[in-house]
Amino acid sequence: MYGIVNQAIQGLVEENFGTEQWVKIKEKANVSYEYFLNNEAYDDDITYELIGASTEILGWSAQELLTAFGRYWILKVGYEKYGDLMKAGGSNLETFLFNLPNFHGRIMLIYPKLNPPEFKVEKLGDGHLILHYYSSREGLTHFVQGLCFGLAEMFKETINIELISSTNDIMWHDRFEIKIS
């Protein structure tokens, strides 16, 4: 993953728990980098180690941490670093979700080594969707839920999101039912 992901984990931890906790997390994860470079690709294992160490040091479950991280990613990282791209995605959550493939296409111009997930949306009715998430990375279900909560908050909407299936054949595939109100 790119350094911006690890920077965001650091930001979430430091803003909510302080720098001392971040130092403990890096030590627990055996991460020796003083800082992460935005546009530098790092091994995914580093990110997973930081998440694992964060749960142990902070006392959060992986689900709680990943959900909070997804929300943080949208409201802090995404909006601050890619605000214009975020705004170009649509004026509401439903439109934004349908435009995610275009968004990731633009992001890949910035991060050419990016291995983004794939999203597909089925419209079941007004404000009622099935979101398909495909990824080569395992264990990010709750991060995706956090992303959706962050997007809903960004658009000042309320959602109910439920994981309705999860499979791991060739790719990880999660299906979420989303009701927007």
C-alpha atoms as a PDB file:
ATOM      1  CA  MET A   1       0.000   0.000   0.000  1.00  0.00           C
ATOM      2  CA  TYR A   2       1.098   3.527  -0.498  1.00  0.00           C
ATOM      3  CA  GLY A   3       2.575   5.531   2.356  1.00  0.00           C
ATOM      4  CA  ILE A   4      -0.506   7.732   2.494  1.00  0.00           C
ATOM      5  CA  VAL A   5      -2.425   4.787   3.984  1.00  0.00           C
ATOM      6  CA  ASN A   6       0.087   4.334   6.791  1.00  0.00           C
ATOM      7  CA  GLN A   7       0.188   8.104   7.307  1.00  0.00           C
ATOM      8  CA  ALA A   8      -3.571   8.017   7.742  1.00  0.00           C
ATOM      9  CA  ILE A   9      -3.353   5.269  10.364  1.00  0.00           C
ATOM     10  CA  GLN A  10      -0.806   7.426  12.169  1.00  0.00           C
ATOM     11  CA  GLY A  11      -3.101  10.456  11.898  1.00  0.00           C
ATOM     12  CA  LEU A  12      -6.082   8.565  13.281  1.00  0.00           C
ATOM     13  CA  VAL A  13      -4.047   7.267  16.215  1.00  0.00           C
ATOM     14  CA  GLU A  14      -2.276  10.523  17.049  1.00  0.00           C
ATOM     15  CA  GLU A  15      -5.423  12.663  16.795  1.00  0.00           C
ATOM     16  CA  ASN A  16      -7.390  10.351  19.065  1.00  0.00           C
ATOM     17  CA  PHE A  17      -4.774   8.841  21.391  1.00  0.00           C
ATOM     18  CA  GLY A  18      -1.568  10.875  21.099  1.00  0.00           C
ATOM     19  CA  THR A  19       1.910  10.489  19.646  1.00  0.00           C
ATOM     20  CA  GLU A  20       3.093   8.284  22.510  1.00  0.00           C
ATOM     21  CA  GLN A  21       0.561   5.631  21.529  1.00  0.00           C
ATOM     22  CA  TRP A  22       1.691   5.810  17.890  1.00  0.00           C
ATOM     23  CA  VAL A  23       5.284   5.204  18.988  1.00  0.00           C
ATOM     24  CA  LYS A  24       4.166   2.154  20.990  1.00  0.00           C
ATOM     25  CA  ILE A  25       2.210   0.855  17.989  1.00  0.00           C
ATOM     26  CA  LYS A  26       5.208   1.190  15.668  1.00  0.00           C
ATOM     27  CA  GLU A  27       7.396  -0.632  18.201  1.00  0.00           C
ATOM     28  CA  LYS A  28       4.827  -3.420  18.657  1.00  0.00           C
ATOM     29  CA  ALA A  29       4.529  -3.769  14.849  1.00  0.00           C
ATOM     30  CA  ASN A  30       8.332  -3.770  14.428  1.00  0.00           C
ATOM     31  CA  VAL A  31       8.073  -0.832  12.024  1.00  0.00           C
ATOM     32  CA  SER A  32      11.289   1.147  11.919  1.00  0.00           C
ATOM     33  CA  TYR A  33      10.295   3.832   9.411  1.00  0.00           C
ATOM     34  CA  GLU A  34      10.537   7.268  10.964  1.00  0.00           C
ATOM     35  CA  TYR A  35       7.825   8.458   8.569  1.00  0.00           C
ATOM     36  CA  PHE A  36       6.033   7.230   5.450  1.00  0.00           C
ATOM     37  CA  LEU A  37       6.241   8.953   2.090  1.00  0.00           C
ATOM     38  CA  ASN A  38       2.863   9.657   0.440  1.00  0.00           C
ATOM     39  CA  ASN A  39       3.726   8.370  -3.024  1.00  0.00           C
ATOM     40  CA  GLU A  40       5.991   5.506  -1.961  1.00  0.00           C
ATOM     41  CA  ALA A  41       4.658   1.952  -2.174  1.00  0.00           C
ATOM     42  CA  TYR A  42       5.185  -0.131   0.978  1.00  0.00           C
ATOM     43  CA  ASP A  43       4.562  -3.807   1.577  1.00  0.00           C
ATOM     44  CA  ASP A  44       0.943  -4.509   2.605  1.00  0.00           C
ATOM     45  CA  ASP A  45       2.265  -6.466   5.588  1.00  0.00           C
ATOM     46  CA  ILE A  46       3.420  -3.213   7.188  1.00  0.00           C
ATOM     47  CA  THR A  47      -0.108  -1.828   7.092  1.00  0.00           C
ATOM     48  CA  TYR A  48      -1.590  -5.033   8.466  1.00  0.00           C
ATOM     49  CA  GLU A  49       1.028  -5.088  11.255  1.00  0.00           C
ATOM     50  CA  LEU A  50       0.200  -1.483  12.174  1.00  0.00           C
ATOM     51  CA  ILE A  51      -3.521  -2.317  12.305  1.00  0.00           C
ATOM     52  CA  GLY A  52      -2.880  -5.395  14.432  1.00  0.00           C
ATOM     53  CA  ALA A  53      -0.602  -3.524  16.827  1.00  0.00           C
ATOM     54  CA  SER A  54      -3.115  -0.677  17.033  1.00  0.00           C
ATOM     55  CA  THR A  55      -5.858  -3.025  18.215  1.00  0.00           C
ATOM     56  CA  GLU A  56      -3.591  -4.428  20.917  1.00  0.00           C
ATOM     57  CA  ILE A  57      -2.245  -1.092  22.154  1.00  0.00           C
ATOM     58  CA  LEU A  58      -5.514   0.848  21.935  1.00  0.00           C
ATOM     59  CA  GLY A  59      -7.822  -1.912  23.138  1.00  0.00           C
ATOM     60  CA  TRP A  60     -10.133  -1.588  20.131  1.00  0.00           C
ATOM     61  CA  SER A  61     -11.388  -4.568  18.200  1.00  0.00           C
ATOM     62  CA  ALA A  62     -10.220  -4.859  14.589  1.00  0.00           C
ATOM     63  CA  GLN A  63     -13.806  -4.122  13.530  1.00  0.00           C
ATOM     64  CA  GLU A  64     -13.933  -0.893  15.558  1.00  0.00           C
ATOM     65  CA  LEU A  65     -10.530   0.251  14.350  1.00  0.00           C
ATOM     66  CA  LEU A  66     -11.152  -0.506  10.667  1.00  0.00           C
ATOM     67  CA  THR A  67     -14.586   1.152  10.734  1.00  0.00           C
ATOM     68  CA  ALA A  68     -13.119   4.265  12.375  1.00  0.00           C
ATOM     69  CA  PHE A  69     -10.239   4.211   9.896  1.00  0.00           C
ATOM     70  CA  GLY A  70     -12.585   4.048   6.901  1.00  0.00           C
ATOM     71  CA  ARG A  71     -14.571   6.999   8.197  1.00  0.00           C
ATOM     72  CA  TYR A  72     -11.358   8.901   8.919  1.00  0.00           C
ATOM     73  CA  TRP A  73     -10.045   8.084   5.434  1.00  0.00           C
ATOM     74  CA  ILE A  74     -13.032   9.782   3.813  1.00  0.00           C
ATOM     75  CA  LEU A  75     -13.520  12.755   6.128  1.00  0.00           C
ATOM     76  CA  LYS A  76      -9.884  13.594   6.758  1.00  0.00           C
ATOM     77  CA  VAL A  77      -7.590  12.136   4.109  1.00  0.00           C
ATOM     78  CA  GLY A  78      -9.911  11.959   1.130  1.00  0.00           C
ATOM     79  CA  TYR A  79     -11.590  15.282   1.628  1.00  0.00           C
ATOM     80  CA  GLU A  80      -8.422  17.200   2.565  1.00  0.00           C
ATOM     81  CA  LYS A  81      -6.078  15.702  -0.046  1.00  0.00           C
ATOM     82  CA  TYR A  82      -8.507  14.943  -2.876  1.00  0.00           C
ATOM     83  CA  GLY A  83     -11.339  17.376  -2.213  1.00  0.00           C
ATOM     84  CA  ASP A  84     -11.869  18.349  -5.842  1.00  0.00           C
ATOM     85  CA  LEU A  85     -11.915  14.705  -6.938  1.00  0.00           C
ATOM     86  CA  MET A  86     -14.308  13.863  -4.117  1.00  0.00           C
ATOM     87  CA  LYS A  87     -16.629  16.694  -5.147  1.00  0.00           C
ATOM     88  CA  ALA A  88     -16.497  15.576  -8.786  1.00  0.00           C
ATOM     89  CA  GLY A  89     -17.831  12.154  -7.736  1.00  0.00           C
ATOM     90  CA  GLY A  90     -21.338  13.427  -7.172  1.00  0.00           C
ATOM     91  CA  SER A  91     -23.579  15.426  -4.907  1.00  0.00           C
ATOM     92  CA  ASN A  92     -24.920  12.483  -2.896  1.00  0.00           C
ATOM     93  CA  LEU A  93     -23.823   9.070  -1.666  1.00  0.00           C
ATOM     94  CA  GLU A  94     -25.671   7.054  -4.296  1.00  0.00           C
ATOM     95  CA  THR A  95     -24.167   9.002  -7.209  1.00  0.00           C
ATOM     96  CA  PHE A  96     -20.710   8.874  -5.633  1.00  0.00           C
ATOM     97  CA  LEU A  97     -20.866   5.092  -5.232  1.00  0.00           C
ATOM     98  CA  PHE A  98     -21.895   4.659  -8.866  1.00  0.00           C
ATOM     99  CA  ASN A  99     -18.939   6.871  -9.874  1.00  0.00           C
ATOM    100  CA  LEU A 100     -16.305   5.043  -7.787  1.00  0.00           C
ATOM    101  CA  PRO A 101     -14.716   3.344 -10.836  1.00  0.00           C
ATOM    102  CA  ASN A 102     -14.070   6.786 -12.359  1.00  0.00           C
ATOM    103  CA  PHE A 103     -12.671   8.054  -9.061  1.00  0.00           C
ATOM    104  CA  HIS A 104     -10.209   5.166  -8.784  1.00  0.00           C
ATOM    105  CA  GLY A 105      -9.204   5.670 -12.414  1.00  0.00           C
ATOM    106  CA  ARG A 106      -8.210   9.251 -11.628  1.00  0.00           C
ATOM    107  CA  ILE A 107      -6.412   8.262  -8.423  1.00  0.00           C
ATOM    108  CA  MET A 108      -4.353   5.736 -10.400  1.00  0.00           C
ATOM    109  CA  LEU A 109      -2.898   8.652 -12.357  1.00  0.00           C
ATOM    110  CA  ILE A 110      -1.432   9.896  -9.068  1.00  0.00           C
ATOM    111  CA  TYR A 111      -0.469   6.443  -7.752  1.00  0.00           C
ATOM    112  CA  PRO A 112       0.499   4.304 -10.760  1.00  0.00           C
ATOM    113  CA  LYS A 113       1.341   1.216  -8.657  1.00  0.00           C
ATOM    114  CA  LEU A 114      -2.044   1.318  -6.965  1.00  0.00           C
ATOM    115  CA  ASN A 115      -3.954  -1.942  -6.671  1.00  0.00           C
ATOM    116  CA  PRO A 116      -7.416  -0.492  -5.990  1.00  0.00           C
ATOM    117  CA  PRO A 117     -10.470  -2.484  -5.091  1.00  0.00           C
ATOM    118  CA  GLU A 118     -13.349  -2.705  -7.508  1.00  0.00           C
ATOM    119  CA  PHE A 119     -16.838  -1.556  -6.619  1.00  0.00           C
ATOM    120  CA  LYS A 120     -20.101  -2.298  -8.389  1.00  0.00           C
ATOM    121  CA  VAL A 121     -23.489  -0.984  -7.375  1.00  0.00           C
ATOM    122  CA  GLU A 122     -26.941  -2.460  -7.908  1.00  0.00           C
ATOM    123  CA  LYS A 123     -29.896  -0.137  -7.455  1.00  0.00           C
ATOM    124  CA  LEU A 124     -32.813  -1.911  -5.774  1.00  0.00           C
ATOM    125  CA  GLY A 125     -34.992   1.144  -5.309  1.00  0.00           C
ATOM    126  CA  ASP A 126     -34.838   4.749  -4.260  1.00  0.00           C
ATOM    127  CA  GLY A 127     -31.962   4.973  -1.770  1.00  0.00           C
ATOM    128  CA  HIS A 128     -31.671   1.190  -1.607  1.00  0.00           C
ATOM    129  CA  LEU A 129     -28.471  -0.337  -3.005  1.00  0.00           C
ATOM    130  CA  ILE A 130     -26.315  -3.419  -3.039  1.00  0.00           C
ATOM    131  CA  LEU A 131     -22.620  -2.495  -2.986  1.00  0.00           C
ATOM    132  CA  HIS A 132     -20.214  -5.142  -4.273  1.00  0.00           C
ATOM    133  CA  TYR A 133     -16.624  -4.829  -3.082  1.00  0.00           C
ATOM    134  CA  TYR A 134     -13.904  -6.875  -4.803  1.00  0.00           C
ATOM    135  CA  SER A 135     -10.304  -6.864  -3.613  1.00  0.00           C
ATOM    136  CA  SER A 136      -7.145  -8.911  -3.646  1.00  0.00           C
ATOM    137  CA  ARG A 137      -6.672  -7.826  -0.015  1.00  0.00           C
ATOM    138  CA  GLU A 138      -8.248  -9.791   2.792  1.00  0.00           C
ATOM    139  CA  GLY A 139      -9.900  -8.484   5.917  1.00  0.00           C
ATOM    140  CA  LEU A 140     -11.000  -4.981   4.917  1.00  0.00           C
ATOM    141  CA  THR A 141     -14.765  -5.479   5.193  1.00  0.00           C
ATOM    142  CA  HIS A 142     -15.146  -3.115   8.147  1.00  0.00           C
ATOM    143  CA  PHE A 143     -12.898  -0.545   6.496  1.00  0.00           C
ATOM    144  CA  VAL A 144     -15.354  -0.470   3.557  1.00  0.00           C
ATOM    145  CA  GLN A 145     -18.235  -0.042   5.981  1.00  0.00           C
ATOM    146  CA  GLY A 146     -16.362   2.862   7.577  1.00  0.00           C
ATOM    147  CA  LEU A 147     -15.815   4.395   4.129  1.00  0.00           C
ATOM    148  CA  CYS A 148     -19.557   4.255   3.529  1.00  0.00           C
ATOM    149  CA  PHE A 149     -20.305   5.855   6.904  1.00  0.00           C
ATOM    150  CA  GLY A 150     -17.769   8.594   6.138  1.00  0.00           C
ATOM    151  CA  LEU A 151     -19.280   9.235   2.709  1.00  0.00           C
ATOM    152  CA  ALA A 152     -22.771   9.390   4.186  1.00  0.00           C
ATOM    153  CA  GLU A 153     -21.546  11.910   6.742  1.00  0.00           C
ATOM    154  CA  MET A 154     -19.792  13.915   4.017  1.00  0.00           C
ATOM    155  CA  PHE A 155     -23.066  14.124   2.086  1.00  0.00           C
ATOM    156  CA  LYS A 156     -25.067  14.750   5.274  1.00  0.00           C
ATOM    157  CA  GLU A 157     -27.033  11.562   4.785  1.00  0.00           C
ATOM    158  CA  THR A 158     -27.837   8.699   7.121  1.00  0.00           C
ATOM    159  CA  ILE A 159     -27.310   5.088   6.137  1.00  0.00           C
ATOM    160  CA  ASN A 160     -28.001   1.632   7.381  1.00  0.00           C
ATOM    161  CA  ILE A 161     -25.376  -0.770   6.011  1.00  0.00           C
ATOM    162  CA  GLU A 162     -25.382  -4.518   6.446  1.00  0.00           C
ATOM    163  CA  LEU A 163     -22.922  -7.116   5.212  1.00  0.00           C
ATOM    164  CA  ILE A 164     -25.078  -9.690   3.415  1.00  0.00           C
ATOM    165  CA  SER A 165     -22.361 -11.999   2.071  1.00  0.00           C
ATOM    166  CA  SER A 166     -18.625 -12.429   2.010  1.00  0.00           C
ATOM    167  CA  THR A 167     -16.668 -14.866  -0.148  1.00  0.00           C
ATOM    168  CA  ASN A 168     -13.045 -15.379  -1.009  1.00  0.00           C
ATOM    169  CA  ASP A 169     -12.612 -17.354  -4.205  1.00  0.00           C
ATOM    170  CA  ILE A 170     -10.114 -15.703  -6.542  1.00  0.00           C
ATOM    171  CA  MET A 171     -10.857 -12.244  -5.113  1.00  0.00           C
ATOM    172  CA  TRP A 172     -12.361 -11.129  -1.842  1.00  0.00           C
ATOM    173  CA  HIS A 173     -16.033 -10.261  -2.528  1.00  0.00           C
ATOM    174  CA  ASP A 174     -18.239  -8.558   0.045  1.00  0.00           C
ATOM    175  CA  ARG A 175     -21.844  -7.599  -0.631  1.00  0.00           C
ATOM    176  CA  PHE A 176     -23.399  -4.819   1.436  1.00  0.00           C
ATOM    177  CA  GLU A 177     -27.002  -3.734   1.516  1.00  0.00           C
ATOM    178  CA  ILE A 178     -27.223   0.022   1.952  1.00  0.00           C
ATOM    179  CA  LYS A 179     -30.360   1.988   2.759  1.00  0.00           C
ATOM    180  CA  ILE A 180     -29.977   5.753   2.509  1.00  0.00           C
ATOM    181  CA  SER A 181     -32.301   8.067   4.421  1.00  0.00           C
END
